[in-house]
Structures are given as C-alpha cells and as structure tokens.
C-alpha cells in the first residue's frame, strides 16, 4: 500500500486513529472550511505532491491511516468513518471526476434531491444508482457498507 503524508498535520503521542482522521477533516487553518482533507504527499518531507483535491476516497484515507499508524485494517477505517458520519455531515458520494467513492461534506446549500434516506450516502450525480460500481477505486459503496457492518442497498 502506498504511503501518503500530510503537511502541517502531525500525529501526536495521544492521537488515536479516530482523533487523527478528525484532525485532518477539521483543520480550518488549511482550508476555508472543515470537511476537507489537506493535500497529500508521497514522502515524509512533504515535497512530492500526490494530490491537491480536498475530498478523499476510502482508499486514500486508508493509505494516510497506514502512513501514521501501524496495522490499520480496512474494517477499522470503515468503522471510524461510520462513526464520523454518525456525528457529522460527512457522507460518501460517487465522484464522476475521480471515478470512485469519496468521503464528502454535505453543505447546507445541497438540494433536497441530492440528499437520501441513507445516512451515509449523498445522491450526487445519481450516486444511489451506482452503489455496486467501483469505478477506478477498489470498493463499491455496498462493499464499504459491508465493512461498516451495515445493510447493503439492493
């Protein structure tokens, strides 16, 4: 698995994986609003940029997690993201630009048609119709639900 690093966000001694991921999402100093991940880099010195995008796929969040913590599993990251979604307005949507499922913030200006009854899904670009598609990612939305121990969408 590729290692990915974040500039200006350090893992503190008392950080858990949960608190570290929340720190990444809630860093208003690096972006105008919370709910956006910082830029990622391919080296610890943060000189080789991997990506500028603000919203991250499950695979990238897993790579970041494995760069700062030992023995992180897909299931552990999925359960942490589930907890974050239960506590915040973060959700998954299928990003047609990235062609995979990304972790995204629901903004107050979203149209009702983009909101769903599902607590972990935004219906952006008809995401509700793509729950079994991986795109270029490694996971479908239903596979993410399975990791989160949730009922899959039929």
N, C-alpha and C. Protein backbone atom coordinates (compact mmCIF):
# COMPACT_ATOMS: atom_id res chain seq x y z
N UNK A 1 0.84 -1.18 0.00
CA UNK A 1 0.00 0.00 0.00
C UNK A 1 0.89 1.25 0.00
N UNK A 2 0.52 2.19 -0.84
CA UNK A 2 1.26 3.43 -0.97
C UNK A 2 1.14 4.25 0.32
N UNK A 3 2.25 4.85 0.75
CA UNK A 3 2.24 5.72 1.93
C UNK A 3 1.92 7.13 1.45
N UNK A 4 1.07 7.83 2.20
CA UNK A 4 0.73 9.22 1.90
C UNK A 4 0.84 10.04 3.17
N UNK A 5 1.38 11.24 3.01
CA UNK A 5 1.65 12.10 4.17
C UNK A 5 0.95 13.45 4.00
N UNK A 6 0.72 14.12 5.12
CA UNK A 6 0.04 15.40 5.14
C UNK A 6 0.95 16.44 5.78
N UNK A 7 1.12 17.55 5.10
CA UNK A 7 1.95 18.65 5.59
C UNK A 7 1.19 19.42 6.68
N UNK A 8 1.89 19.82 7.71
CA UNK A 8 1.36 20.66 8.79
C UNK A 8 0.32 19.99 9.68
N UNK A 9 0.17 18.70 9.55
CA UNK A 9 -0.66 17.95 10.50
C UNK A 9 0.20 16.81 11.01
N UNK A 10 0.44 16.81 12.29
CA UNK A 10 1.32 15.80 12.88
C UNK A 10 0.51 14.85 13.75
N UNK A 11 1.00 13.64 13.81
CA UNK A 11 0.40 12.68 14.74
C UNK A 11 1.03 12.94 16.10
N UNK A 12 0.19 13.27 17.04
CA UNK A 12 0.64 13.50 18.41
C UNK A 12 0.66 12.17 19.16
N UNK A 13 1.39 12.14 20.25
CA UNK A 13 1.54 10.90 21.02
C UNK A 13 0.20 10.34 21.49
N UNK A 14 -0.72 11.21 21.85
CA UNK A 14 -2.01 10.75 22.38
C UNK A 14 -3.09 10.60 21.29
N UNK A 15 -2.75 10.83 20.02
CA UNK A 15 -3.72 10.67 18.94
C UNK A 15 -4.10 9.21 18.74
N UNK A 16 -5.39 8.99 18.59
CA UNK A 16 -5.88 7.70 18.13
C UNK A 16 -6.12 7.85 16.62
N UNK A 17 -6.39 6.77 15.94
CA UNK A 17 -6.69 6.87 14.52
C UNK A 17 -7.93 7.74 14.32
N UNK A 18 -8.93 7.57 15.17
CA UNK A 18 -10.14 8.37 15.10
C UNK A 18 -9.82 9.86 15.26
N UNK A 19 -9.08 10.23 16.29
CA UNK A 19 -8.78 11.65 16.51
C UNK A 19 -7.90 12.22 15.41
N UNK A 20 -7.03 11.39 14.85
CA UNK A 20 -6.16 11.85 13.76
C UNK A 20 -6.98 12.14 12.49
N UNK A 21 -7.89 11.24 12.14
CA UNK A 21 -8.72 11.46 10.95
C UNK A 21 -9.60 12.70 11.16
N UNK A 22 -10.16 12.85 12.35
CA UNK A 22 -10.95 14.05 12.65
C UNK A 22 -10.10 15.31 12.53
N UNK A 23 -8.88 15.24 13.00
CA UNK A 23 -7.96 16.39 12.89
C UNK A 23 -7.74 16.76 11.43
N UNK A 24 -7.62 15.76 10.58
CA UNK A 24 -7.44 16.02 9.14
C UNK A 24 -8.68 16.67 8.54
N UNK A 25 -9.84 16.23 8.96
CA UNK A 25 -11.10 16.76 8.40
C UNK A 25 -11.41 18.15 8.94
N UNK A 26 -11.04 18.43 10.17
CA UNK A 26 -11.47 19.67 10.84
C UNK A 26 -10.39 20.74 10.91
N UNK A 27 -9.50 20.80 9.99
CA UNK A 27 -8.39 21.74 10.04
C UNK A 27 -8.68 23.01 9.27
N UNK A 28 -9.47 23.87 9.83
CA UNK A 28 -9.88 25.11 9.15
C UNK A 28 -8.68 25.96 8.74
N UNK A 29 -7.56 25.80 9.39
CA UNK A 29 -6.39 26.61 9.04
C UNK A 29 -5.87 26.30 7.64
N UNK A 30 -6.05 25.07 7.18
CA UNK A 30 -5.51 24.68 5.89
C UNK A 30 -6.50 24.86 4.75
N UNK A 31 -7.78 24.89 5.06
CA UNK A 31 -8.81 25.16 4.06
C UNK A 31 -9.81 26.12 4.67
N UNK A 32 -10.66 26.71 3.86
CA UNK A 32 -11.61 27.71 4.34
C UNK A 32 -12.66 27.11 5.26
N UNK A 33 -12.97 25.85 5.08
CA UNK A 33 -13.99 25.23 5.92
C UNK A 33 -13.58 23.81 6.27
N UNK A 34 -14.15 23.32 7.34
CA UNK A 34 -13.85 21.95 7.73
C UNK A 34 -14.54 20.98 6.78
N UNK A 35 -14.17 19.72 6.85
CA UNK A 35 -14.77 18.71 6.00
C UNK A 35 -13.96 18.45 4.75
N UNK A 36 -12.77 19.01 4.69
CA UNK A 36 -11.92 18.83 3.52
C UNK A 36 -10.54 18.35 3.97
N UNK A 37 -10.03 17.33 3.30
CA UNK A 37 -8.70 16.82 3.64
C UNK A 37 -7.62 17.72 3.08
N UNK A 38 -6.50 17.81 3.76
CA UNK A 38 -5.38 18.59 3.23
C UNK A 38 -4.73 17.88 2.04
N UNK A 39 -3.84 18.58 1.35
CA UNK A 39 -3.07 17.99 0.26
C UNK A 39 -2.27 16.81 0.80
N UNK A 40 -2.06 15.83 -0.05
CA UNK A 40 -1.26 14.67 0.36
C UNK A 40 0.03 14.63 -0.44
N UNK A 41 1.04 14.01 0.18
CA UNK A 41 2.38 13.94 -0.40
C UNK A 41 2.88 12.50 -0.34
N UNK A 42 3.80 12.19 -1.26
CA UNK A 42 4.34 10.84 -1.37
C UNK A 42 5.54 10.58 -0.46
N UNK A 43 6.06 11.65 0.18
CA UNK A 43 7.21 11.47 1.06
C UNK A 43 6.98 12.20 2.39
N UNK A 44 7.68 11.75 3.43
CA UNK A 44 7.52 12.32 4.78
C UNK A 44 7.87 13.81 4.83
N UNK A 45 8.79 14.23 3.97
CA UNK A 45 9.21 15.63 3.95
C UNK A 45 8.16 16.53 3.30
N UNK A 46 7.17 15.93 2.68
CA UNK A 46 6.06 16.62 2.02
C UNK A 46 6.56 17.58 0.93
N UNK A 47 7.42 17.04 0.07
CA UNK A 47 7.92 17.82 -1.07
C UNK A 47 7.42 17.28 -2.40
N UNK A 48 6.96 16.02 -2.43
CA UNK A 48 6.45 15.42 -3.67
C UNK A 48 4.94 15.28 -3.52
N UNK A 49 4.21 16.16 -4.19
CA UNK A 49 2.76 16.22 -4.06
C UNK A 49 2.10 15.02 -4.74
N UNK A 50 1.14 14.43 -4.02
CA UNK A 50 0.36 13.33 -4.58
C UNK A 50 -0.94 13.87 -5.14
N UNK A 51 -1.62 14.75 -4.38
CA UNK A 51 -2.92 15.22 -4.82
C UNK A 51 -3.30 16.53 -4.13
N UNK A 52 -3.97 17.40 -4.87
CA UNK A 52 -4.45 18.66 -4.32
C UNK A 52 -5.90 18.61 -3.87
N UNK A 53 -6.62 17.61 -4.31
CA UNK A 53 -8.06 17.58 -4.08
C UNK A 53 -8.38 17.63 -2.59
N UNK A 54 -9.56 18.13 -2.28
CA UNK A 54 -9.95 18.32 -0.88
C UNK A 54 -10.73 17.14 -0.32
N UNK A 55 -11.25 16.32 -1.22
CA UNK A 55 -12.11 15.21 -0.79
C UNK A 55 -11.43 13.91 -1.16
N UNK A 56 -11.44 12.95 -0.27
CA UNK A 56 -10.63 11.75 -0.42
C UNK A 56 -11.46 10.49 -0.54
N UNK A 57 -10.93 9.56 -1.32
CA UNK A 57 -11.55 8.25 -1.44
C UNK A 57 -11.23 7.43 -0.20
N UNK A 58 -11.99 6.37 -0.02
CA UNK A 58 -11.72 5.45 1.09
C UNK A 58 -10.29 4.92 0.99
N UNK A 59 -9.86 4.60 -0.24
CA UNK A 59 -8.51 4.04 -0.44
C UNK A 59 -7.43 5.01 0.02
N UNK A 60 -7.61 6.30 -0.27
CA UNK A 60 -6.62 7.31 0.13
C UNK A 60 -6.63 7.49 1.65
N UNK A 61 -7.81 7.52 2.24
CA UNK A 61 -7.89 7.64 3.70
C UNK A 61 -7.22 6.44 4.36
N UNK A 62 -7.40 5.27 3.79
CA UNK A 62 -6.73 4.06 4.29
C UNK A 62 -5.21 4.20 4.16
N UNK A 63 -4.72 4.71 3.04
CA UNK A 63 -3.28 4.90 2.85
C UNK A 63 -2.71 5.92 3.83
N UNK A 64 -3.43 7.03 4.03
CA UNK A 64 -2.99 8.04 5.02
C UNK A 64 -2.92 7.39 6.40
N UNK A 65 -3.96 6.65 6.75
CA UNK A 65 -4.03 5.99 8.06
C UNK A 65 -2.85 5.05 8.27
N UNK A 66 -2.52 4.27 7.24
CA UNK A 66 -1.40 3.33 7.34
C UNK A 66 -0.04 4.02 7.33
N UNK A 67 0.01 5.26 6.92
CA UNK A 67 1.27 6.01 6.95
C UNK A 67 1.59 6.52 8.35
N UNK A 68 0.58 6.71 9.16
CA UNK A 68 0.77 7.28 10.50
C UNK A 68 0.54 6.29 11.64
N UNK A 69 -0.10 5.15 11.35
CA UNK A 69 -0.41 4.15 12.37
C UNK A 69 -0.06 2.76 11.85
N UNK A 70 0.34 1.88 12.76
CA UNK A 70 0.67 0.51 12.39
C UNK A 70 -0.57 -0.37 12.38
N UNK A 71 -0.57 -1.37 11.52
CA UNK A 71 -1.60 -2.41 11.49
C UNK A 71 -3.03 -1.89 11.38
N UNK A 72 -3.23 -0.91 10.52
CA UNK A 72 -4.57 -0.38 10.30
C UNK A 72 -5.26 -1.25 9.26
N UNK A 73 -6.46 -1.68 9.58
CA UNK A 73 -7.22 -2.53 8.65
C UNK A 73 -8.30 -1.72 7.93
N UNK A 74 -8.77 -2.26 6.82
CA UNK A 74 -9.88 -1.63 6.09
C UNK A 74 -11.08 -1.49 7.02
N UNK A 75 -11.36 -2.53 7.77
CA UNK A 75 -12.53 -2.54 8.67
C UNK A 75 -12.42 -1.45 9.72
N UNK A 76 -11.24 -1.27 10.29
CA UNK A 76 -11.06 -0.26 11.33
C UNK A 76 -11.32 1.13 10.77
N UNK A 77 -10.78 1.42 9.59
CA UNK A 77 -11.00 2.73 8.97
C UNK A 77 -12.47 2.90 8.63
N UNK A 78 -13.10 1.86 8.09
CA UNK A 78 -14.52 1.93 7.74
C UNK A 78 -15.38 2.23 8.97
N UNK A 79 -15.08 1.58 10.08
CA UNK A 79 -15.86 1.80 11.31
C UNK A 79 -15.64 3.21 11.86
N UNK A 80 -14.43 3.73 11.72
CA UNK A 80 -14.16 5.11 12.15
C UNK A 80 -14.91 6.10 11.26
N UNK A 81 -14.90 5.88 9.95
CA UNK A 81 -15.64 6.77 9.05
C UNK A 81 -17.14 6.68 9.33
N UNK A 82 -17.63 5.50 9.67
CA UNK A 82 -19.03 5.34 10.05
C UNK A 82 -19.35 6.20 11.27
N UNK A 83 -18.49 6.14 12.27
CA UNK A 83 -18.69 6.95 13.48
C UNK A 83 -18.67 8.44 13.15
N UNK A 84 -17.75 8.85 12.30
CA UNK A 84 -17.66 10.26 11.90
C UNK A 84 -18.93 10.67 11.16
N UNK A 85 -19.44 9.81 10.28
CA UNK A 85 -20.68 10.13 9.55
C UNK A 85 -21.87 10.23 10.49
N UNK A 86 -21.87 9.42 11.55
CA UNK A 86 -22.97 9.48 12.52
C UNK A 86 -22.91 10.76 13.34
N UNK A 87 -21.72 11.34 13.47
CA UNK A 87 -21.52 12.53 14.32
C UNK A 87 -21.47 13.84 13.53
N UNK A 88 -21.28 13.76 12.21
CA UNK A 88 -21.08 14.97 11.41
C UNK A 88 -21.94 14.91 10.15
N UNK A 89 -21.71 15.85 9.27
CA UNK A 89 -22.43 15.85 7.99
C UNK A 89 -21.52 15.36 6.85
N UNK A 90 -20.63 14.45 7.14
CA UNK A 90 -19.80 13.81 6.12
C UNK A 90 -20.54 12.58 5.60
N UNK A 91 -20.40 12.32 4.28
CA UNK A 91 -21.05 11.19 3.63
C UNK A 91 -20.17 10.68 2.49
N UNK A 92 -20.59 9.61 1.86
CA UNK A 92 -19.94 9.13 0.64
C UNK A 92 -20.77 9.54 -0.57
N UNK A 93 -20.08 9.80 -1.67
CA UNK A 93 -20.74 10.00 -2.96
C UNK A 93 -19.83 9.44 -4.04
N UNK A 94 -20.43 9.12 -5.17
CA UNK A 94 -19.63 8.64 -6.29
C UNK A 94 -19.21 9.86 -7.10
N UNK A 95 -17.93 10.13 -7.12
CA UNK A 95 -17.38 11.27 -7.83
C UNK A 95 -17.06 10.85 -9.27
N UNK A 96 -17.74 11.47 -10.22
CA UNK A 96 -17.51 11.11 -11.61
C UNK A 96 -16.16 11.62 -12.11
N UNK A 97 -15.63 12.67 -11.49
CA UNK A 97 -14.31 13.18 -11.88
C UNK A 97 -13.21 12.19 -11.44
N UNK A 98 -13.27 11.76 -10.19
CA UNK A 98 -12.28 10.80 -9.68
C UNK A 98 -12.64 9.38 -10.09
N UNK A 99 -13.90 9.16 -10.45
CA UNK A 99 -14.41 7.86 -10.84
C UNK A 99 -14.30 6.83 -9.71
N UNK A 100 -14.63 7.29 -8.50
CA UNK A 100 -14.66 6.39 -7.34
C UNK A 100 -15.43 7.05 -6.21
N UNK A 101 -15.67 6.27 -5.17
CA UNK A 101 -16.39 6.75 -3.99
C UNK A 101 -15.48 7.63 -3.15
N UNK A 102 -15.97 8.82 -2.82
CA UNK A 102 -15.18 9.74 -1.99
C UNK A 102 -15.97 10.12 -0.74
N UNK A 103 -15.24 10.52 0.27
CA UNK A 103 -15.78 10.98 1.55
C UNK A 103 -15.98 12.48 1.41
N UNK A 104 -17.19 12.96 1.62
CA UNK A 104 -17.55 14.32 1.25
C UNK A 104 -18.42 14.97 2.31
N UNK A 105 -18.33 16.27 2.42
CA UNK A 105 -19.15 17.02 3.37
C UNK A 105 -20.45 17.45 2.71
N UNK A 106 -21.57 17.27 3.41
CA UNK A 106 -22.86 17.76 2.95
C UNK A 106 -22.96 19.22 3.38
N UNK A 107 -23.10 20.10 2.41
CA UNK A 107 -23.21 21.53 2.69
C UNK A 107 -24.68 21.92 2.79
N UNK A 108 -24.96 22.99 3.49
CA UNK A 108 -26.35 23.42 3.71
C UNK A 108 -27.05 23.80 2.42
N UNK A 109 -26.31 24.14 1.39
CA UNK A 109 -26.92 24.55 0.13
C UNK A 109 -27.25 23.38 -0.80
N UNK A 110 -26.99 22.15 -0.37
CA UNK A 110 -27.32 21.00 -1.22
C UNK A 110 -28.82 20.94 -1.44
N UNK A 111 -29.20 20.57 -2.63
CA UNK A 111 -30.61 20.42 -2.95
C UNK A 111 -31.16 19.15 -2.30
N UNK A 112 -32.45 19.18 -1.98
CA UNK A 112 -33.09 18.02 -1.36
C UNK A 112 -32.95 16.76 -2.22
N UNK A 113 -32.92 16.94 -3.54
CA UNK A 113 -32.81 15.78 -4.44
C UNK A 113 -31.47 15.06 -4.28
N UNK A 114 -30.48 15.74 -3.74
CA UNK A 114 -29.17 15.12 -3.56
C UNK A 114 -29.05 14.42 -2.21
N UNK A 115 -29.97 14.67 -1.34
CA UNK A 115 -29.97 14.02 -0.03
C UNK A 115 -30.78 12.73 -0.14
N UNK A 116 -30.39 11.74 0.63
CA UNK A 116 -31.09 10.45 0.58
C UNK A 116 -31.53 10.06 1.97
N UNK A 117 -32.33 9.02 2.04
CA UNK A 117 -32.72 8.47 3.34
C UNK A 117 -31.58 7.70 3.97
N UNK A 118 -30.59 7.36 3.15
CA UNK A 118 -29.46 6.60 3.69
C UNK A 118 -28.51 7.53 4.43
N UNK A 119 -28.15 7.18 5.67
CA UNK A 119 -27.34 8.09 6.49
C UNK A 119 -25.89 8.26 6.04
N UNK A 120 -25.43 7.45 5.08
CA UNK A 120 -24.02 7.54 4.67
C UNK A 120 -23.85 7.88 3.19
N UNK A 121 -24.91 8.31 2.51
CA UNK A 121 -24.86 8.48 1.06
C UNK A 121 -25.44 9.81 0.63
N UNK A 122 -24.74 10.49 -0.28
CA UNK A 122 -25.24 11.69 -0.96
C UNK A 122 -25.56 11.26 -2.39
N UNK A 123 -26.70 11.66 -2.89
CA UNK A 123 -27.11 11.25 -4.23
C UNK A 123 -26.62 12.25 -5.28
N UNK A 124 -25.37 12.58 -5.24
CA UNK A 124 -24.76 13.48 -6.22
C UNK A 124 -24.45 12.68 -7.49
N UNK A 125 -24.75 13.23 -8.66
CA UNK A 125 -24.54 12.52 -9.93
C UNK A 125 -25.14 11.12 -9.90
N UNK A 126 -26.31 10.98 -9.31
CA UNK A 126 -27.04 9.71 -9.23
C UNK A 126 -26.24 8.61 -8.52
N UNK A 127 -25.53 8.99 -7.46
CA UNK A 127 -24.76 8.00 -6.69
C UNK A 127 -25.59 6.82 -6.24
N UNK A 128 -26.87 7.07 -5.94
CA UNK A 128 -27.75 6.00 -5.47
C UNK A 128 -27.87 4.87 -6.50
N UNK A 129 -27.66 5.20 -7.77
CA UNK A 129 -27.73 4.19 -8.83
C UNK A 129 -26.39 3.51 -9.09
N UNK A 130 -25.36 3.90 -8.34
CA UNK A 130 -24.01 3.37 -8.59
C UNK A 130 -23.45 2.61 -7.39
N UNK A 131 -24.32 2.20 -6.47
CA UNK A 131 -23.85 1.59 -5.22
C UNK A 131 -23.07 0.29 -5.44
N UNK A 132 -23.19 -0.32 -6.60
CA UNK A 132 -22.43 -1.54 -6.90
C UNK A 132 -21.30 -1.31 -7.89
N UNK A 133 -20.98 -0.06 -8.14
CA UNK A 133 -19.88 0.27 -9.06
C UNK A 133 -18.63 0.68 -8.28
N UNK A 134 -17.49 0.21 -8.77
CA UNK A 134 -16.19 0.58 -8.17
C UNK A 134 -15.58 1.78 -8.89
N UNK A 135 -15.86 1.90 -10.17
CA UNK A 135 -15.14 2.89 -10.96
C UNK A 135 -13.67 2.50 -10.97
N UNK A 136 -12.79 3.47 -10.78
CA UNK A 136 -11.36 3.17 -10.73
C UNK A 136 -10.90 2.84 -9.31
N UNK A 137 -11.82 2.87 -8.35
CA UNK A 137 -11.49 2.55 -6.97
C UNK A 137 -11.49 1.06 -6.71
N UNK A 138 -11.24 0.71 -5.48
CA UNK A 138 -11.18 -0.70 -5.09
C UNK A 138 -12.49 -1.20 -4.47
N UNK A 139 -13.40 -0.27 -4.13
CA UNK A 139 -14.59 -0.64 -3.39
C UNK A 139 -15.85 -0.07 -4.02
N UNK A 140 -16.94 -0.82 -3.93
CA UNK A 140 -18.26 -0.28 -4.23
C UNK A 140 -18.79 0.33 -2.94
N UNK A 141 -19.85 1.10 -3.04
CA UNK A 141 -20.47 1.64 -1.82
C UNK A 141 -20.98 0.50 -0.95
N UNK A 142 -21.59 -0.51 -1.58
CA UNK A 142 -22.10 -1.64 -0.80
C UNK A 142 -20.97 -2.40 -0.09
N UNK A 143 -19.80 -2.47 -0.69
CA UNK A 143 -18.66 -3.10 -0.01
C UNK A 143 -18.22 -2.26 1.19
N UNK A 144 -18.29 -0.94 1.06
CA UNK A 144 -17.98 -0.07 2.19
C UNK A 144 -18.99 -0.27 3.30
N UNK A 145 -20.27 -0.39 2.93
CA UNK A 145 -21.31 -0.67 3.93
C UNK A 145 -21.04 -1.98 4.65
N UNK A 146 -20.63 -2.97 3.89
CA UNK A 146 -20.32 -4.28 4.47
C UNK A 146 -19.17 -4.14 5.49
N UNK A 147 -18.15 -3.38 5.15
CA UNK A 147 -17.04 -3.15 6.09
C UNK A 147 -17.53 -2.41 7.35
N UNK A 148 -18.54 -1.55 7.16
CA UNK A 148 -19.10 -0.79 8.29
C UNK A 148 -20.16 -1.61 9.03
N UNK A 149 -20.36 -2.85 8.59
CA UNK A 149 -21.36 -3.73 9.19
C UNK A 149 -22.76 -3.15 9.07
N UNK A 150 -23.05 -2.61 7.90
CA UNK A 150 -24.37 -2.04 7.62
C UNK A 150 -25.05 -2.87 6.54
N UNK A 151 -26.36 -2.75 6.48
CA UNK A 151 -27.14 -3.47 5.47
C UNK A 151 -26.87 -2.85 4.09
N UNK A 152 -26.60 -3.70 3.12
CA UNK A 152 -26.30 -3.19 1.77
C UNK A 152 -27.58 -2.71 1.10
N UNK A 153 -27.41 -1.83 0.12
CA UNK A 153 -28.53 -1.31 -0.64
C UNK A 153 -28.83 -2.23 -1.80
N UNK A 154 -30.05 -2.63 -1.95
CA UNK A 154 -30.43 -3.54 -3.04
C UNK A 154 -30.90 -2.75 -4.22
